[in-house]
């Protein structure tokens, strides 16, 4: 199942040529991941407070395919690919209509508050399992 999050490109997102600055795509997909988690009924602050865990990006493999420009309406697509005991792999894309502008595979890891690896709680894995291909 693919989650979609819409956004518009603002002047602050662009460079002098009016093209989205490359690092802002990482911000866009972060927003998409945050909204994906929220749509699953998960509260990251509560996970930290109650379970003592947080998620961190371990790896991003990104491809910049076409430029987005000032005032474009974009959609960030987020799809779960796999889940293991301590990590989640997601595919994300930034779309302008049917045109794919950016794509990335993101590896998230579960960490205890001290920064050491931690297991993803079983309840959370159960929520994610139906989303996998």
N, C-alpha and C. Protein backbone atom coordinates (compact mmCIF):
# COMPACT_ATOMS: atom_id res chain seq x y z
N UNK A 1 0.84 -1.17 0.00
CA UNK A 1 0.00 0.00 0.00
C UNK A 1 0.89 1.25 0.00
N UNK A 2 0.59 2.17 -0.88
CA UNK A 2 1.38 3.40 -1.01
C UNK A 2 0.66 4.55 -0.33
N UNK A 3 1.40 5.26 0.50
CA UNK A 3 0.87 6.46 1.15
C UNK A 3 1.27 7.66 0.30
N UNK A 4 0.37 8.63 0.17
CA UNK A 4 0.64 9.84 -0.59
C UNK A 4 0.52 11.08 0.29
N UNK A 5 1.48 11.98 0.12
CA UNK A 5 1.51 13.24 0.85
C UNK A 5 1.76 14.37 -0.15
N UNK A 6 0.83 15.31 -0.25
CA UNK A 6 0.96 16.40 -1.20
C UNK A 6 1.67 17.61 -0.62
N UNK A 7 2.41 18.30 -1.48
CA UNK A 7 3.07 19.54 -1.07
C UNK A 7 3.26 20.43 -2.28
N UNK A 8 3.51 21.68 -2.02
CA UNK A 8 3.78 22.66 -3.08
C UNK A 8 5.21 23.17 -2.89
N UNK A 9 5.88 23.44 -4.01
CA UNK A 9 7.23 23.99 -3.97
C UNK A 9 7.13 25.49 -3.76
N UNK A 10 7.78 25.96 -2.70
CA UNK A 10 7.82 27.38 -2.40
C UNK A 10 9.15 27.98 -2.83
N UNK A 11 9.18 29.28 -2.90
CA UNK A 11 10.40 29.99 -3.30
C UNK A 11 11.59 29.56 -2.45
N UNK A 12 11.37 29.39 -1.16
CA UNK A 12 12.46 29.01 -0.24
C UNK A 12 13.04 27.63 -0.54
N UNK A 13 12.32 26.81 -1.32
CA UNK A 13 12.79 25.46 -1.67
C UNK A 13 13.71 25.46 -2.89
N UNK A 14 13.82 26.60 -3.55
CA UNK A 14 14.52 26.63 -4.85
C UNK A 14 15.85 27.37 -4.79
N UNK A 15 16.61 27.15 -5.86
CA UNK A 15 17.86 27.88 -6.02
C UNK A 15 17.61 29.11 -6.91
N UNK A 16 18.63 29.78 -7.30
CA UNK A 16 18.51 31.01 -8.09
C UNK A 16 17.81 30.77 -9.43
N UNK A 17 17.91 29.55 -9.95
CA UNK A 17 17.28 29.22 -11.23
C UNK A 17 15.81 28.83 -11.09
N UNK A 18 15.31 28.80 -9.84
CA UNK A 18 13.92 28.41 -9.61
C UNK A 18 13.71 26.91 -9.59
N UNK A 19 14.80 26.15 -9.47
CA UNK A 19 14.76 24.68 -9.42
C UNK A 19 14.94 24.25 -7.97
N UNK A 20 14.22 23.22 -7.56
CA UNK A 20 14.32 22.74 -6.17
C UNK A 20 15.76 22.34 -5.88
N UNK A 21 16.30 22.90 -4.81
CA UNK A 21 17.64 22.58 -4.34
C UNK A 21 17.68 21.11 -3.93
N UNK A 22 18.72 20.39 -4.34
CA UNK A 22 18.76 18.94 -4.21
C UNK A 22 18.51 18.42 -2.80
N UNK A 23 19.02 19.10 -1.78
CA UNK A 23 18.86 18.63 -0.40
C UNK A 23 17.41 18.72 0.07
N UNK A 24 16.62 19.56 -0.56
CA UNK A 24 15.23 19.71 -0.14
C UNK A 24 14.38 18.48 -0.46
N UNK A 25 14.81 17.67 -1.42
CA UNK A 25 14.09 16.43 -1.68
C UNK A 25 14.15 15.52 -0.45
N UNK A 26 15.26 15.55 0.28
CA UNK A 26 15.37 14.76 1.51
C UNK A 26 14.39 15.27 2.56
N UNK A 27 14.18 16.59 2.61
CA UNK A 27 13.18 17.15 3.51
C UNK A 27 11.78 16.73 3.09
N UNK A 28 11.52 16.74 1.79
CA UNK A 28 10.20 16.35 1.28
C UNK A 28 9.89 14.90 1.66
N UNK A 29 10.87 13.98 1.47
CA UNK A 29 10.58 12.58 1.78
C UNK A 29 10.51 12.35 3.29
N UNK A 30 11.21 13.17 4.07
CA UNK A 30 11.07 13.09 5.54
C UNK A 30 9.65 13.44 5.95
N UNK A 31 9.10 14.49 5.36
CA UNK A 31 7.72 14.87 5.65
C UNK A 31 6.78 13.73 5.24
N UNK A 32 7.03 13.14 4.09
CA UNK A 32 6.22 12.02 3.64
C UNK A 32 6.27 10.85 4.60
N UNK A 33 7.46 10.53 5.13
CA UNK A 33 7.58 9.44 6.12
C UNK A 33 6.85 9.79 7.40
N UNK A 34 6.97 11.02 7.85
CA UNK A 34 6.29 11.43 9.09
C UNK A 34 4.78 11.29 8.94
N UNK A 35 4.25 11.70 7.81
CA UNK A 35 2.80 11.59 7.59
C UNK A 35 2.37 10.14 7.39
N UNK A 36 3.24 9.32 6.80
CA UNK A 36 2.96 7.89 6.65
C UNK A 36 2.82 7.25 8.03
N UNK A 37 3.76 7.54 8.92
CA UNK A 37 3.72 7.00 10.29
C UNK A 37 2.45 7.48 10.99
N UNK A 38 2.13 8.75 10.86
CA UNK A 38 0.92 9.30 11.48
C UNK A 38 -0.34 8.62 10.94
N UNK A 39 -0.35 8.33 9.64
CA UNK A 39 -1.52 7.68 9.04
C UNK A 39 -1.72 6.26 9.56
N UNK A 40 -0.67 5.65 10.10
CA UNK A 40 -0.76 4.30 10.67
C UNK A 40 -1.20 4.34 12.13
N UNK A 41 -1.43 5.54 12.65
CA UNK A 41 -1.87 5.67 14.03
C UNK A 41 -0.73 5.55 15.03
N UNK A 42 0.49 5.77 14.55
CA UNK A 42 1.65 5.69 15.45
C UNK A 42 2.09 7.10 15.83
N UNK A 43 2.45 7.25 17.07
CA UNK A 43 2.93 8.53 17.59
C UNK A 43 4.39 8.34 17.98
N UNK A 44 5.29 8.98 17.22
CA UNK A 44 6.72 8.78 17.48
C UNK A 44 7.14 9.29 18.86
N UNK A 45 6.55 10.37 19.31
CA UNK A 45 6.89 10.89 20.64
C UNK A 45 6.46 9.89 21.72
N UNK A 46 5.28 9.27 21.53
CA UNK A 46 4.80 8.28 22.50
C UNK A 46 5.66 7.02 22.47
N UNK A 47 6.11 6.60 21.28
CA UNK A 47 7.01 5.45 21.19
C UNK A 47 8.28 5.71 22.00
N UNK A 48 8.80 6.91 21.89
CA UNK A 48 10.01 7.27 22.65
C UNK A 48 9.72 7.28 24.15
N UNK A 49 8.61 7.90 24.54
CA UNK A 49 8.28 8.02 25.96
C UNK A 49 7.93 6.68 26.60
N UNK A 50 7.15 5.85 25.89
CA UNK A 50 6.66 4.61 26.47
C UNK A 50 7.54 3.40 26.21
N UNK A 51 8.10 3.31 25.00
CA UNK A 51 8.90 2.14 24.65
C UNK A 51 10.39 2.43 24.68
N UNK A 52 10.75 3.72 24.76
CA UNK A 52 12.17 4.08 24.82
C UNK A 52 12.89 3.87 23.49
N UNK A 53 12.16 3.94 22.38
CA UNK A 53 12.79 3.74 21.08
C UNK A 53 12.55 4.94 20.17
N UNK A 54 13.46 5.09 19.22
CA UNK A 54 13.34 6.09 18.17
C UNK A 54 13.79 5.43 16.87
N UNK A 55 13.43 6.06 15.75
CA UNK A 55 13.87 5.58 14.46
C UNK A 55 14.82 6.60 13.86
N UNK A 56 15.87 6.09 13.22
CA UNK A 56 16.86 6.96 12.58
C UNK A 56 17.11 6.46 11.16
N UNK A 57 17.41 7.38 10.26
CA UNK A 57 17.78 7.00 8.91
C UNK A 57 19.20 6.43 8.95
N UNK A 58 19.34 5.23 8.46
CA UNK A 58 20.65 4.56 8.41
C UNK A 58 21.29 4.74 7.04
N UNK A 59 20.43 4.73 6.01
CA UNK A 59 20.95 4.80 4.65
C UNK A 59 19.89 5.37 3.73
N UNK A 60 20.34 6.18 2.77
CA UNK A 60 19.47 6.69 1.71
C UNK A 60 20.21 6.50 0.39
N UNK A 61 19.54 5.84 -0.54
CA UNK A 61 20.06 5.74 -1.90
C UNK A 61 19.10 6.52 -2.78
N UNK A 62 19.57 7.63 -3.35
CA UNK A 62 18.68 8.56 -4.03
C UNK A 62 19.06 8.76 -5.49
N UNK A 63 18.03 8.91 -6.32
CA UNK A 63 18.21 9.24 -7.73
C UNK A 63 17.40 10.49 -8.04
N UNK A 64 18.09 11.50 -8.57
CA UNK A 64 17.46 12.74 -9.00
C UNK A 64 17.20 12.60 -10.50
N UNK A 65 15.93 12.52 -10.88
CA UNK A 65 15.58 12.18 -12.25
C UNK A 65 15.22 13.40 -13.11
N UNK A 66 14.44 14.32 -12.54
CA UNK A 66 14.00 15.52 -13.25
C UNK A 66 13.84 16.64 -12.22
N UNK A 67 14.00 17.88 -12.64
CA UNK A 67 13.88 18.96 -11.66
C UNK A 67 12.43 19.34 -11.36
N UNK A 68 12.17 19.63 -10.11
CA UNK A 68 10.92 20.28 -9.71
C UNK A 68 11.22 21.77 -9.70
N UNK A 69 10.17 22.56 -9.90
CA UNK A 69 10.35 24.00 -10.01
C UNK A 69 9.40 24.74 -9.08
N UNK A 70 9.70 26.01 -8.90
CA UNK A 70 8.87 26.87 -8.07
C UNK A 70 7.40 26.72 -8.45
N UNK A 71 6.55 26.57 -7.42
CA UNK A 71 5.09 26.50 -7.50
C UNK A 71 4.54 25.16 -8.01
N UNK A 72 5.41 24.18 -8.27
CA UNK A 72 4.93 22.85 -8.65
C UNK A 72 4.14 22.24 -7.50
N UNK A 73 3.12 21.49 -7.85
CA UNK A 73 2.41 20.67 -6.87
C UNK A 73 2.97 19.26 -6.99
N UNK A 74 3.48 18.74 -5.87
CA UNK A 74 4.15 17.45 -5.84
C UNK A 74 3.43 16.49 -4.91
N UNK A 75 3.69 15.22 -5.10
CA UNK A 75 3.19 14.18 -4.20
C UNK A 75 4.36 13.29 -3.82
N UNK A 76 4.54 13.09 -2.51
CA UNK A 76 5.54 12.16 -2.01
C UNK A 76 4.84 10.83 -1.78
N UNK A 77 5.33 9.80 -2.45
CA UNK A 77 4.79 8.45 -2.29
C UNK A 77 5.73 7.66 -1.39
N UNK A 78 5.17 6.96 -0.41
CA UNK A 78 5.95 6.15 0.52
C UNK A 78 5.36 4.75 0.54
N UNK A 79 6.23 3.75 0.38
CA UNK A 79 5.79 2.37 0.36
C UNK A 79 6.78 1.51 1.15
N UNK A 80 6.27 0.70 2.07
CA UNK A 80 7.11 -0.22 2.83
C UNK A 80 7.56 -1.35 1.92
N UNK A 81 8.84 -1.70 2.01
CA UNK A 81 9.41 -2.78 1.20
C UNK A 81 9.68 -4.01 2.05
N UNK A 82 10.28 -3.79 3.24
CA UNK A 82 10.57 -4.92 4.12
C UNK A 82 10.71 -4.42 5.55
N UNK A 83 10.58 -5.37 6.46
CA UNK A 83 10.77 -5.09 7.89
C UNK A 83 11.47 -6.28 8.50
N UNK A 84 12.41 -5.99 9.36
CA UNK A 84 13.11 -7.05 10.10
C UNK A 84 13.02 -6.72 11.58
N UNK A 85 13.80 -7.39 12.38
CA UNK A 85 13.73 -7.19 13.83
C UNK A 85 14.02 -5.75 14.24
N UNK A 86 14.92 -5.08 13.51
CA UNK A 86 15.33 -3.74 13.94
C UNK A 86 15.37 -2.71 12.82
N UNK A 87 14.89 -3.06 11.62
CA UNK A 87 14.94 -2.08 10.54
C UNK A 87 13.73 -2.17 9.63
N UNK A 88 13.47 -1.04 8.98
CA UNK A 88 12.38 -0.91 8.02
C UNK A 88 12.99 -0.33 6.74
N UNK A 89 12.65 -0.93 5.61
CA UNK A 89 13.11 -0.42 4.31
C UNK A 89 11.89 0.14 3.58
N UNK A 90 12.04 1.37 3.09
CA UNK A 90 10.97 2.06 2.38
C UNK A 90 11.44 2.49 1.00
N UNK A 91 10.53 2.47 0.04
CA UNK A 91 10.74 3.12 -1.25
C UNK A 91 9.94 4.41 -1.21
N UNK A 92 10.57 5.50 -1.65
CA UNK A 92 9.88 6.78 -1.69
C UNK A 92 10.13 7.43 -3.04
N UNK A 93 9.14 8.17 -3.50
CA UNK A 93 9.26 8.89 -4.77
C UNK A 93 8.59 10.25 -4.62
N UNK A 94 9.11 11.21 -5.37
CA UNK A 94 8.48 12.53 -5.48
C UNK A 94 7.96 12.63 -6.90
N UNK A 95 6.66 12.86 -7.00
CA UNK A 95 5.97 12.85 -8.28
C UNK A 95 5.39 14.23 -8.58
N UNK A 96 5.36 14.58 -9.87
CA UNK A 96 4.62 15.73 -10.36
C UNK A 96 3.65 15.15 -11.38
N UNK A 97 2.41 14.94 -10.93
CA UNK A 97 1.46 14.21 -11.76
C UNK A 97 1.96 12.79 -11.92
N UNK A 98 2.06 12.32 -13.16
CA UNK A 98 2.54 10.97 -13.43
C UNK A 98 4.05 10.93 -13.62
N UNK A 99 4.71 12.08 -13.53
CA UNK A 99 6.14 12.17 -13.79
C UNK A 99 6.93 11.99 -12.49
N UNK A 100 7.82 11.00 -12.49
CA UNK A 100 8.68 10.73 -11.33
C UNK A 100 9.90 11.64 -11.41
N UNK A 101 10.06 12.48 -10.37
CA UNK A 101 11.17 13.44 -10.34
C UNK A 101 12.34 12.95 -9.51
N UNK A 102 12.04 12.19 -8.49
CA UNK A 102 13.05 11.77 -7.51
C UNK A 102 12.61 10.44 -6.94
N UNK A 103 13.56 9.55 -6.68
CA UNK A 103 13.23 8.30 -6.01
C UNK A 103 14.36 7.94 -5.06
N UNK A 104 13.97 7.27 -3.98
CA UNK A 104 14.96 6.89 -2.98
C UNK A 104 14.53 5.62 -2.28
N UNK A 105 15.52 4.85 -1.86
CA UNK A 105 15.27 3.76 -0.94
C UNK A 105 15.89 4.19 0.40
N UNK A 106 15.07 4.11 1.44
CA UNK A 106 15.48 4.60 2.76
C UNK A 106 15.46 3.43 3.74
N UNK A 107 16.55 3.27 4.48
CA UNK A 107 16.63 2.26 5.52
C UNK A 107 16.56 2.96 6.87
N UNK A 108 15.53 2.62 7.64
CA UNK A 108 15.36 3.14 9.00
C UNK A 108 15.76 2.07 9.98
N UNK A 109 16.41 2.47 11.07
CA UNK A 109 16.76 1.52 12.12
C UNK A 109 16.12 1.96 13.42
N UNK A 110 15.81 1.00 14.23
CA UNK A 110 15.22 1.23 15.55
C UNK A 110 16.36 1.32 16.55
N UNK A 111 16.34 2.37 17.36
CA UNK A 111 17.39 2.60 18.36
C UNK A 111 16.78 2.81 19.73
N UNK A 112 17.51 2.33 20.74
CA UNK A 112 17.16 2.65 22.12
C UNK A 112 17.65 4.08 22.38
N UNK A 113 17.18 4.67 23.47
CA UNK A 113 17.53 6.06 23.74
C UNK A 113 19.03 6.31 23.82
N UNK A 114 19.80 5.30 24.20
CA UNK A 114 21.25 5.45 24.28
C UNK A 114 21.95 5.34 22.93
N UNK A 115 21.17 5.05 21.87
CA UNK A 115 21.74 4.97 20.54
C UNK A 115 22.07 3.56 20.08
N UNK A 116 21.91 2.57 20.95
CA UNK A 116 22.20 1.19 20.56
C UNK A 116 21.01 0.59 19.81
N UNK A 117 21.25 -0.38 18.93
CA UNK A 117 20.16 -1.01 18.19
C UNK A 117 19.12 -1.61 19.13
N UNK A 118 17.86 -1.55 18.71
CA UNK A 118 16.76 -2.10 19.51
C UNK A 118 15.79 -2.81 18.57
N UNK A 119 15.06 -3.75 19.11
CA UNK A 119 14.04 -4.46 18.33
C UNK A 119 12.82 -3.56 18.14
N UNK A 120 12.23 -3.66 16.98
CA UNK A 120 10.98 -2.97 16.72
C UNK A 120 9.91 -3.70 17.54
N UNK A 121 9.10 -2.98 18.31
CA UNK A 121 8.08 -3.65 19.11
C UNK A 121 7.14 -4.50 18.23
N UNK A 122 6.73 -5.64 18.78
CA UNK A 122 5.88 -6.59 18.04
C UNK A 122 4.61 -5.93 17.53
N UNK A 123 3.98 -5.08 18.34
CA UNK A 123 2.75 -4.42 17.92
C UNK A 123 2.98 -3.56 16.68
N UNK A 124 4.10 -2.89 16.64
CA UNK A 124 4.43 -2.05 15.49
C UNK A 124 4.71 -2.93 14.26
N UNK A 125 5.43 -4.02 14.43
CA UNK A 125 5.67 -4.94 13.31
C UNK A 125 4.35 -5.49 12.78
N UNK A 126 3.39 -5.75 13.68
CA UNK A 126 2.08 -6.25 13.24
C UNK A 126 1.33 -5.21 12.42
N UNK A 127 1.45 -3.94 12.78
CA UNK A 127 0.80 -2.87 12.02
C UNK A 127 1.42 -2.73 10.63
N UNK A 128 2.72 -2.97 10.54
CA UNK A 128 3.43 -2.79 9.28
C UNK A 128 3.31 -3.99 8.35
N UNK A 129 3.17 -5.17 8.90
CA UNK A 129 3.17 -6.40 8.09
C UNK A 129 2.16 -6.37 6.93
N UNK A 130 0.91 -5.92 7.14
CA UNK A 130 -0.05 -5.92 6.03
C UNK A 130 0.33 -4.95 4.89
N UNK A 131 1.25 -4.04 5.15
CA UNK A 131 1.64 -3.05 4.14
C UNK A 131 2.72 -3.56 3.20
N UNK A 132 3.32 -4.68 3.53
CA UNK A 132 4.43 -5.21 2.75
C UNK A 132 3.93 -5.88 1.48
N UNK A 133 4.77 -5.84 0.44
CA UNK A 133 4.38 -6.48 -0.84
C UNK A 133 4.28 -7.99 -0.71
